[in-house]
Amino acid sequence: MSTAYRIDPDATLDWAFDWSAWMAESETITGHTITTTGTVTVDSSSVSAGAVTVWLSGAAGSRVQVTCRIVTNQGRTDDRTLTLLVGER
């Protein structure tokens, strides 16, 4: 299941995927991949304190999905997806 958010097509915004409550105390994110459907530019991404922050711009169309997949130092893999509803705000 994904969460939907509104985004203006001219916006450049950061979005956070937070796994800190899901991970064990000594667990860390060792790798991540950002994938998208539709038209959106992934400008950059970074990991800090159990969360992946991704900067997105240039969203086009009416609905864009952004998925963040992580791998942890304990060998776990998980995906989270957010849905962006694109339109003038």
PDB file of N, CA and C in Angstrom:
ATOM      1  N   MET A   1       0.846  -1.177   0.000  1.00  0.00           N
ATOM      2  CA  MET A   1       0.000   0.000   0.000  1.00  0.00           C
ATOM      3  C   MET A   1       0.888   1.236   0.000  1.00  0.00           C
ATOM      4  N   SER A   2       0.508   2.249  -0.745  1.00  0.00           N
ATOM      5  CA  SER A   2       1.291   3.472  -0.775  1.00  0.00           C
ATOM      6  C   SER A   2       0.463   4.628  -0.252  1.00  0.00           C
ATOM      7  N   THR A   3       1.152   5.664   0.162  1.00  0.00           N
ATOM      8  CA  THR A   3       0.526   6.878   0.640  1.00  0.00           C
ATOM      9  C   THR A   3       0.542   7.902  -0.482  1.00  0.00           C
ATOM     10  N   ALA A   4      -0.539   8.662  -0.665  1.00  0.00           N
ATOM     11  CA  ALA A   4      -0.627   9.636  -1.753  1.00  0.00           C
ATOM     12  C   ALA A   4      -0.442  11.056  -1.225  1.00  0.00           C
ATOM     13  N   TYR A   5       0.332  11.838  -1.992  1.00  0.00           N
ATOM     14  CA  TYR A   5       0.600  13.242  -1.666  1.00  0.00           C
ATOM     15  C   TYR A   5       0.421  14.067  -2.926  1.00  0.00           C
ATOM     16  N   ARG A   6       0.034  15.318  -2.764  1.00  0.00           N
ATOM     17  CA  ARG A   6      -0.095  16.230  -3.899  1.00  0.00           C
ATOM     18  C   ARG A   6       1.237  16.926  -4.136  1.00  0.00           C
ATOM     19  N   ILE A   7       1.589  17.112  -5.429  1.00  0.00           N
ATOM     20  CA  ILE A   7       2.818  17.808  -5.800  1.00  0.00           C
ATOM     21  C   ILE A   7       2.550  18.663  -7.037  1.00  0.00           C
ATOM     22  N   ASP A   8       3.075  19.869  -7.031  1.00  0.00           N
ATOM     23  CA  ASP A   8       2.993  20.759  -8.177  1.00  0.00           C
ATOM     24  C   ASP A   8       4.028  20.303  -9.213  1.00  0.00           C
ATOM     25  N   PRO A   9       3.716  20.355 -10.508  1.00  0.00           N
ATOM     26  CA  PRO A   9       4.675  19.896 -11.509  1.00  0.00           C
ATOM     27  C   PRO A   9       5.971  20.711 -11.538  1.00  0.00           C
ATOM     28  N   ASP A  10       5.948  21.941 -11.004  1.00  0.00           N
ATOM     29  CA  ASP A  10       7.142  22.795 -10.989  1.00  0.00           C
ATOM     30  C   ASP A  10       7.921  22.695  -9.678  1.00  0.00           C
ATOM     31  N   ALA A  11       7.476  21.849  -8.759  1.00  0.00           N
ATOM     32  CA  ALA A  11       8.109  21.761  -7.441  1.00  0.00           C
ATOM     33  C   ALA A  11       9.397  20.938  -7.480  1.00  0.00           C
ATOM     34  N   THR A  12      10.318  21.302  -6.609  1.00  0.00           N
ATOM     35  CA  THR A  12      11.487  20.478  -6.285  1.00  0.00           C
ATOM     36  C   THR A  12      11.423  20.283  -4.782  1.00  0.00           C
ATOM     37  N   LEU A  13      11.143  19.048  -4.340  1.00  0.00           N
ATOM     38  CA  LEU A  13      10.890  18.785  -2.925  1.00  0.00           C
ATOM     39  C   LEU A  13      11.615  17.536  -2.451  1.00  0.00           C
ATOM     40  N   ASP A  14      11.845  17.491  -1.150  1.00  0.00           N
ATOM     41  CA  ASP A  14      12.436  16.309  -0.536  1.00  0.00           C
ATOM     42  C   ASP A  14      11.335  15.465   0.094  1.00  0.00           C
ATOM     43  N   TRP A  15      11.519  14.145  -0.005  1.00  0.00           N
ATOM     44  CA  TRP A  15      10.579  13.176   0.542  1.00  0.00           C
ATOM     45  C   TRP A  15      11.379  12.168   1.349  1.00  0.00           C
ATOM     46  N   ALA A  16      10.904  11.818   2.524  1.00  0.00           N
ATOM     47  CA  ALA A  16      11.642  10.900   3.396  1.00  0.00           C
ATOM     48  C   ALA A  16      10.922   9.558   3.520  1.00  0.00           C
ATOM     49  N   PHE A  17      11.693   8.499   3.403  1.00  0.00           N
ATOM     50  CA  PHE A  17      11.236   7.137   3.679  1.00  0.00           C
ATOM     51  C   PHE A  17      11.911   6.748   4.990  1.00  0.00           C
ATOM     52  N   ASP A  18      11.150   6.675   6.065  1.00  0.00           N
ATOM     53  CA  ASP A  18      11.728   6.475   7.402  1.00  0.00           C
ATOM     54  C   ASP A  18      11.511   5.036   7.876  1.00  0.00           C
ATOM     55  N   TRP A  19      12.611   4.322   8.053  1.00  0.00           N
ATOM     56  CA  TRP A  19      12.576   2.944   8.548  1.00  0.00           C
ATOM     57  C   TRP A  19      13.043   2.842  10.000  1.00  0.00           C
ATOM     58  N   SER A  20      13.306   3.930  10.669  1.00  0.00           N
ATOM     59  CA  SER A  20      13.924   3.891  11.998  1.00  0.00           C
ATOM     60  C   SER A  20      13.108   3.099  13.014  1.00  0.00           C
ATOM     61  N   ALA A  21      11.801   3.167  12.973  1.00  0.00           N
ATOM     62  CA  ALA A  21      10.971   2.415  13.927  1.00  0.00           C
ATOM     63  C   ALA A  21      10.894   0.929  13.549  1.00  0.00           C
ATOM     64  N   TRP A  22      11.118   0.590  12.291  1.00  0.00           N
ATOM     65  CA  TRP A  22      11.033  -0.774  11.793  1.00  0.00           C
ATOM     66  C   TRP A  22      12.319  -1.561  12.040  1.00  0.00           C
ATOM     67  N   MET A  23      13.466  -0.881  12.026  1.00  0.00           N
ATOM     68  CA  MET A  23      14.750  -1.564  12.149  1.00  0.00           C
ATOM     69  C   MET A  23      15.101  -1.859  13.608  1.00  0.00           C
ATOM     70  N   ALA A  24      15.915  -2.910  13.792  1.00  0.00           N
ATOM     71  CA  ALA A  24      16.420  -3.248  15.125  1.00  0.00           C
ATOM     72  C   ALA A  24      17.395  -2.158  15.581  1.00  0.00           C
ATOM     73  N   GLU A  25      17.683  -2.131  16.868  1.00  0.00           N
ATOM     74  CA  GLU A  25      18.506  -1.060  17.450  1.00  0.00           C
ATOM     75  C   GLU A  25      19.875  -0.910  16.777  1.00  0.00           C
ATOM     76  N   SER A  26      20.546  -2.011  16.472  1.00  0.00           N
ATOM     77  CA  SER A  26      21.880  -1.928  15.871  1.00  0.00           C
ATOM     78  C   SER A  26      21.862  -2.023  14.344  1.00  0.00           C
ATOM     79  N   GLU A  27      20.689  -2.040  13.760  1.00  0.00           N
ATOM     80  CA  GLU A  27      20.554  -2.209  12.315  1.00  0.00           C
ATOM     81  C   GLU A  27      20.743  -0.872  11.596  1.00  0.00           C
ATOM     82  N   THR A  28      21.397  -0.916  10.437  1.00  0.00           N
ATOM     83  CA  THR A  28      21.595   0.279   9.622  1.00  0.00           C
ATOM     84  C   THR A  28      21.280  -0.031   8.167  1.00  0.00           C
ATOM     85  N   ILE A  29      20.982   1.002   7.415  1.00  0.00           N
ATOM     86  CA  ILE A  29      20.746   0.880   5.983  1.00  0.00           C
ATOM     87  C   ILE A  29      22.102   0.876   5.285  1.00  0.00           C
ATOM     88  N   THR A  30      22.385  -0.197   4.532  1.00  0.00           N
ATOM     89  CA  THR A  30      23.667  -0.302   3.842  1.00  0.00           C
ATOM     90  C   THR A  30      23.557  -0.024   2.346  1.00  0.00           C
ATOM     91  N   GLY A  31      22.346  -0.014   1.821  1.00  0.00           N
ATOM     92  CA  GLY A  31      22.143   0.289   0.410  1.00  0.00           C
ATOM     93  C   GLY A  31      20.704   0.681   0.160  1.00  0.00           C
ATOM     94  N   HIS A  32      20.491   1.492  -0.870  1.00  0.00           N
ATOM     95  CA  HIS A  32      19.124   1.865  -1.244  1.00  0.00           C
ATOM     96  C   HIS A  32      19.060   2.152  -2.735  1.00  0.00           C
ATOM     97  N   THR A  33      17.846   1.946  -3.292  1.00  0.00           N
ATOM     98  CA  THR A  33      17.577   2.207  -4.699  1.00  0.00           C
ATOM     99  C   THR A  33      16.245   2.939  -4.794  1.00  0.00           C
ATOM    100  N   ILE A  34      16.210   3.985  -5.604  1.00  0.00           N
ATOM    101  CA  ILE A  34      14.974   4.724  -5.848  1.00  0.00           C
ATOM    102  C   ILE A  34      14.524   4.433  -7.270  1.00  0.00           C
ATOM    103  N   THR A  35      13.269   3.994  -7.444  1.00  0.00           N
ATOM    104  CA  THR A  35      12.693   3.776  -8.772  1.00  0.00           C
ATOM    105  C   THR A  35      11.394   4.556  -8.865  1.00  0.00           C
ATOM    106  N   THR A  36      11.030   4.927 -10.086  1.00  0.00           N
ATOM    107  CA  THR A  36       9.811   5.708 -10.288  1.00  0.00           C
ATOM    108  C   THR A  36       9.011   5.160 -11.452  1.00  0.00           C
ATOM    109  N   THR A  37       7.708   5.424 -11.421  1.00  0.00           N
ATOM    110  CA  THR A  37       6.852   5.214 -12.581  1.00  0.00           C
ATOM    111  C   THR A  37       6.418   6.592 -13.031  1.00  0.00           C
ATOM    112  N   GLY A  38       6.073   6.734 -14.276  1.00  0.00           N
ATOM    113  CA  GLY A  38       5.691   8.047 -14.756  1.00  0.00           C
ATOM    114  C   GLY A  38       6.926   8.902 -14.976  1.00  0.00           C
ATOM    115  N   THR A  39       6.719  10.189 -15.063  1.00  0.00           N
ATOM    116  CA  THR A  39       7.808  11.116 -15.333  1.00  0.00           C
ATOM    117  C   THR A  39       8.088  11.954 -14.097  1.00  0.00           C
ATOM    118  N   VAL A  40       9.232  11.710 -13.505  1.00  0.00           N
ATOM    119  CA  VAL A  40       9.714  12.513 -12.377  1.00  0.00           C
ATOM    120  C   VAL A  40      11.227  12.346 -12.356  1.00  0.00           C
ATOM    121  N   THR A  41      11.942  13.406 -12.000  1.00  0.00           N
ATOM    122  CA  THR A  41      13.398  13.367 -11.948  1.00  0.00           C
ATOM    123  C   THR A  41      13.847  13.143 -10.512  1.00  0.00           C
ATOM    124  N   VAL A  42      14.699  12.141 -10.307  1.00  0.00           N
ATOM    125  CA  VAL A  42      15.317  11.916  -9.009  1.00  0.00           C
ATOM    126  C   VAL A  42      16.610  12.725  -9.007  1.00  0.00           C
ATOM    127  N   ASP A  43      16.615  13.843  -8.288  1.00  0.00           N
ATOM    128  CA  ASP A  43      17.776  14.729  -8.278  1.00  0.00           C
ATOM    129  C   ASP A  43      18.902  14.190  -7.406  1.00  0.00           C
ATOM    130  N   SER A  44      18.558  13.620  -6.248  1.00  0.00           N
ATOM    131  CA  SER A  44      19.566  13.033  -5.361  1.00  0.00           C
ATOM    132  C   SER A  44      18.859  12.244  -4.274  1.00  0.00           C
ATOM    133  N   SER A  45      19.644  11.441  -3.545  1.00  0.00           N
ATOM    134  CA  SER A  45      19.110  10.730  -2.383  1.00  0.00           C
ATOM    135  C   SER A  45      20.241  10.508  -1.394  1.00  0.00           C
ATOM    136  N   SER A  46      19.866  10.370  -0.115  1.00  0.00           N
ATOM    137  CA  SER A  46      20.866  10.168   0.932  1.00  0.00           C
ATOM    138  C   SER A  46      20.248   9.387   2.081  1.00  0.00           C
ATOM    139  N   VAL A  47      21.127   8.796   2.904  1.00  0.00           N
ATOM    140  CA  VAL A  47      20.697   8.016   4.067  1.00  0.00           C
ATOM    141  C   VAL A  47      21.194   8.711   5.328  1.00  0.00           C
ATOM    142  N   SER A  48      20.313   8.818   6.325  1.00  0.00           N
ATOM    143  CA  SER A  48      20.695   9.385   7.611  1.00  0.00           C
ATOM    144  C   SER A  48      19.723   8.911   8.683  1.00  0.00           C
ATOM    145  N   ALA A  49      20.257   8.387   9.773  1.00  0.00           N
ATOM    146  CA  ALA A  49      19.466   8.020  10.955  1.00  0.00           C
ATOM    147  C   ALA A  49      18.270   7.120  10.623  1.00  0.00           C
ATOM    148  N   GLY A  50      18.481   6.103   9.797  1.00  0.00           N
ATOM    149  CA  GLY A  50      17.417   5.153   9.504  1.00  0.00           C
ATOM    150  C   GLY A  50      16.394   5.617   8.500  1.00  0.00           C
ATOM    151  N   ALA A  51      16.691   6.693   7.770  1.00  0.00           N
ATOM    152  CA  ALA A  51      15.759   7.211   6.766  1.00  0.00           C
ATOM    153  C   ALA A  51      16.506   7.485   5.467  1.00  0.00           C
ATOM    154  N   VAL A  52      15.791   7.342   4.360  1.00  0.00           N
ATOM    155  CA  VAL A  52      16.311   7.718   3.046  1.00  0.00           C
ATOM    156  C   VAL A  52      15.538   8.950   2.604  1.00  0.00           C
ATOM    157  N   THR A  53      16.260  10.012   2.282  1.00  0.00           N
ATOM    158  CA  THR A  53      15.636  11.231   1.771  1.00  0.00           C
ATOM    159  C   THR A  53      15.946  11.334   0.289  1.00  0.00           C
ATOM    160  N   VAL A  54      14.908  11.580  -0.507  1.00  0.00           N
ATOM    161  CA  VAL A  54      15.068  11.698  -1.955  1.00  0.00           C
ATOM    162  C   VAL A  54      14.518  13.057  -2.385  1.00  0.00           C
ATOM    163  N   TRP A  55      15.268  13.734  -3.260  1.00  0.00           N
ATOM    164  CA  TRP A  55      14.840  15.007  -3.840  1.00  0.00           C
ATOM    165  C   TRP A  55      14.287  14.729  -5.226  1.00  0.00           C
ATOM    166  N   LEU A  56      13.045  15.196  -5.469  1.00  0.00           N
ATOM    167  CA  LEU A  56      12.346  14.952  -6.732  1.00  0.00           C
ATOM    168  C   LEU A  56      11.946  16.267  -7.382  1.00  0.00           C
ATOM    169  N   SER A  57      11.967  16.285  -8.720  1.00  0.00           N
ATOM    170  CA  SER A  57      11.509  17.459  -9.459  1.00  0.00           C
ATOM    171  C   SER A  57      10.938  17.005 -10.797  1.00  0.00           C
ATOM    172  N   GLY A  58      10.308  17.932 -11.501  1.00  0.00           N
ATOM    173  CA  GLY A  58       9.847  17.674 -12.857  1.00  0.00           C
ATOM    174  C   GLY A  58       8.760  16.632 -12.980  1.00  0.00           C
ATOM    175  N   ALA A  59       7.875  16.539 -12.003  1.00  0.00           N
ATOM    176  CA  ALA A  59       6.790  15.559 -12.070  1.00  0.00           C
ATOM    177  C   ALA A  59       5.826  15.933 -13.187  1.00  0.00           C
ATOM    178  N   ALA A  60       5.468  14.952 -13.993  1.00  0.00           N
ATOM    179  CA  ALA A  60       4.535  15.175 -15.101  1.00  0.00           C
ATOM    180  C   ALA A  60       3.528  14.041 -15.137  1.00  0.00           C
ATOM    181  N   GLY A  61       2.369  14.327 -15.698  1.00  0.00           N
ATOM    182  CA  GLY A  61       1.298  13.343 -15.726  1.00  0.00           C
ATOM    183  C   GLY A  61       0.360  13.619 -14.572  1.00  0.00           C
ATOM    184  N   SER A  62      -0.459  12.666 -14.221  1.00  0.00           N
ATOM    185  CA  SER A  62      -1.409  12.886 -13.130  1.00  0.00           C
ATOM    186  C   SER A  62      -1.056  12.101 -11.877  1.00  0.00           C
ATOM    187  N   ARG A  63      -0.272  11.024 -12.046  1.00  0.00           N
ATOM    188  CA  ARG A  63       0.029  10.143 -10.908  1.00  0.00           C
ATOM    189  C   ARG A  63       1.414   9.531 -11.119  1.00  0.00           C
ATOM    190  N   VAL A  64       2.281   9.684 -10.134  1.00  0.00           N
ATOM    191  CA  VAL A  64       3.641   9.156 -10.199  1.00  0.00           C
ATOM    192  C   VAL A  64       3.891   8.344  -8.935  1.00  0.00           C
ATOM    193  N   GLN A  65       4.490   7.171  -9.077  1.00  0.00           N
ATOM    194  CA  GLN A  65       4.858   6.384  -7.904  1.00  0.00           C
ATOM    195  C   GLN A  65       6.373   6.380  -7.750  1.00  0.00           C
ATOM    196  N   VAL A  66       6.817   6.522  -6.502  1.00  0.00           N
ATOM    197  CA  VAL A  66       8.237   6.514  -6.171  1.00  0.00           C
ATOM    198  C   VAL A  66       8.444   5.414  -5.139  1.00  0.00           C
ATOM    199  N   THR A  67       9.339   4.471  -5.448  1.00  0.00           N
ATOM    200  CA  THR A  67       9.607   3.350  -4.552  1.00  0.00           C
ATOM    201  C   THR A  67      11.042   3.429  -4.070  1.00  0.00           C
ATOM    202  N   CYS A  68      11.221   3.233  -2.777  1.00  0.00           N
ATOM    203  CA  CYS A  68      12.541   3.174  -2.168  1.00  0.00           C
ATOM    204  C   CYS A  68      12.743   1.757  -1.631  1.00  0.00           C
ATOM    205  N   ARG A  69      13.785   1.098  -2.115  1.00  0.00           N
ATOM    206  CA  ARG A  69      14.146  -0.239  -1.635  1.00  0.00           C
ATOM    207  C   ARG A  69      15.434  -0.107  -0.823  1.00  0.00           C
ATOM    208  N   ILE A  70      15.427  -0.689   0.377  1.00  0.00           N
ATOM    209  CA  ILE A  70      16.626  -0.666   1.212  1.00  0.00           C
ATOM    210  C   ILE A  70      17.129  -2.082   1.467  1.00  0.00           C
ATOM    211  N   VAL A  71      18.408  -2.156   1.791  1.00  0.00           N
ATOM    212  CA  VAL A  71      19.050  -3.366   2.289  1.00  0.00           C
ATOM    213  C   VAL A  71      19.739  -2.953   3.585  1.00  0.00           C
ATOM    214  N   THR A  72      19.649  -3.821   4.608  1.00  0.00           N
ATOM    215  CA  THR A  72      20.254  -3.478   5.896  1.00  0.00           C
ATOM    216  C   THR A  72      21.463  -4.354   6.188  1.00  0.00           C
ATOM    217  N   ASN A  73      22.215  -3.951   7.189  1.00  0.00           N
ATOM    218  CA  ASN A  73      23.396  -4.715   7.598  1.00  0.00           C
ATOM    219  C   ASN A  73      23.025  -6.066   8.211  1.00  0.00           C
ATOM    220  N   GLN A  74      21.740  -6.299   8.464  1.00  0.00           N
ATOM    221  CA  GLN A  74      21.297  -7.594   8.981  1.00  0.00           C
ATOM    222  C   GLN A  74      20.660  -8.444   7.887  1.00  0.00           C
ATOM    223  N   GLY A  75      20.851  -8.037   6.623  1.00  0.00           N
ATOM    224  CA  GLY A  75      20.401  -8.836   5.496  1.00  0.00           C
ATOM    225  C   GLY A  75      18.933  -8.692   5.137  1.00  0.00           C
ATOM    226  N   ARG A  76      18.248  -7.737   5.731  1.00  0.00           N
ATOM    227  CA  ARG A  76      16.838  -7.548   5.383  1.00  0.00           C
ATOM    228  C   ARG A  76      16.704  -6.575   4.217  1.00  0.00           C
ATOM    229  N   THR A  77      15.660  -6.792   3.407  1.00  0.00           N
ATOM    230  CA  THR A  77      15.327  -5.924   2.277  1.00  0.00           C
ATOM    231  C   THR A  77      13.864  -5.542   2.407  1.00  0.00           C
ATOM    232  N   ASP A  78      13.562  -4.264   2.127  1.00  0.00           N
ATOM    233  CA  ASP A  78      12.173  -3.819   2.195  1.00  0.00           C
ATOM    234  C   ASP A  78      11.958  -2.716   1.170  1.00  0.00           C
ATOM    235  N   ASP A  79      10.703  -2.572   0.735  1.00  0.00           N
ATOM    236  CA  ASP A  79      10.292  -1.514  -0.190  1.00  0.00           C
ATOM    237  C   ASP A  79       9.206  -0.682   0.473  1.00  0.00           C
ATOM    238  N   ARG A  80       9.231   0.606   0.169  1.00  0.00           N
ATOM    239  CA  ARG A  80       8.116   1.499   0.508  1.00  0.00           C
ATOM    240  C   ARG A  80       7.845   2.367  -0.706  1.00  0.00           C
ATOM    241  N   THR A  81       6.560   2.625  -0.956  1.00  0.00           N
ATOM    242  CA  THR A  81       6.161   3.387  -2.131  1.00  0.00           C
ATOM    243  C   THR A  81       5.286   4.553  -1.724  1.00  0.00           C
ATOM    244  N   LEU A  82       5.536   5.708  -2.339  1.00  0.00           N
ATOM    245  CA  LEU A  82       4.620   6.833  -2.173  1.00  0.00           C
ATOM    246  C   LEU A  82       4.085   7.197  -3.540  1.00  0.00           C
ATOM    247  N   THR A  83       2.859   7.685  -3.555  1.00  0.00           N
ATOM    248  CA  THR A  83       2.202   8.099  -4.792  1.00  0.00           C
ATOM    249  C   THR A  83       2.077   9.613  -4.787  1.00  0.00           C
ATOM    250  N   LEU A  84       2.526  10.236  -5.876  1.00  0.00           N
ATOM    251  CA  LEU A  84       2.421  11.688  -6.035  1.00  0.00           C
ATOM    252  C   LEU A  84       1.311  11.992  -7.023  1.00  0.00           C
ATOM    253  N   LEU A  85       0.347  12.766  -6.580  1.00  0.00           N
ATOM    254  CA  LEU A  85      -0.745  13.215  -7.442  1.00  0.00           C
ATOM    255  C   LEU A  85      -0.337  14.577  -7.970  1.00  0.00           C
ATOM    256  N   VAL A  86      -0.014  14.653  -9.247  1.00  0.00           N
ATOM    257  CA  VAL A  86       0.582  15.837  -9.851  1.00  0.00           C
ATOM    258  C   VAL A  86      -0.517  16.790 -10.329  1.00  0.00           C
ATOM    259  N   GLY A  87      -0.381  18.055  -9.961  1.00  0.00           N
ATOM    260  CA  GLY A  87      -1.328  19.061 -10.415  1.00  0.00           C
ATOM    261  C   GLY A  87      -0.940  20.428  -9.888  1.00  0.00           C
ATOM    262  N   GLU A  88      -1.415  21.462 -10.553  1.00  0.00           N
ATOM    263  CA  GLU A  88      -1.136  22.835 -10.108  1.00  0.00           C
ATOM    264  C   GLU A  88      -1.693  23.031  -8.704  1.00  0.00           C
ATOM    265  N   ARG A  89      -0.883  23.667  -7.866  1.00  0.00           N
ATOM    266  CA  ARG A  89      -1.333  23.944  -6.495  1.00  0.00           C
ATOM    267  C   ARG A  89      -1.379  25.417  -6.242  1.00  0.00           C
TER     268      ARG A  89
END
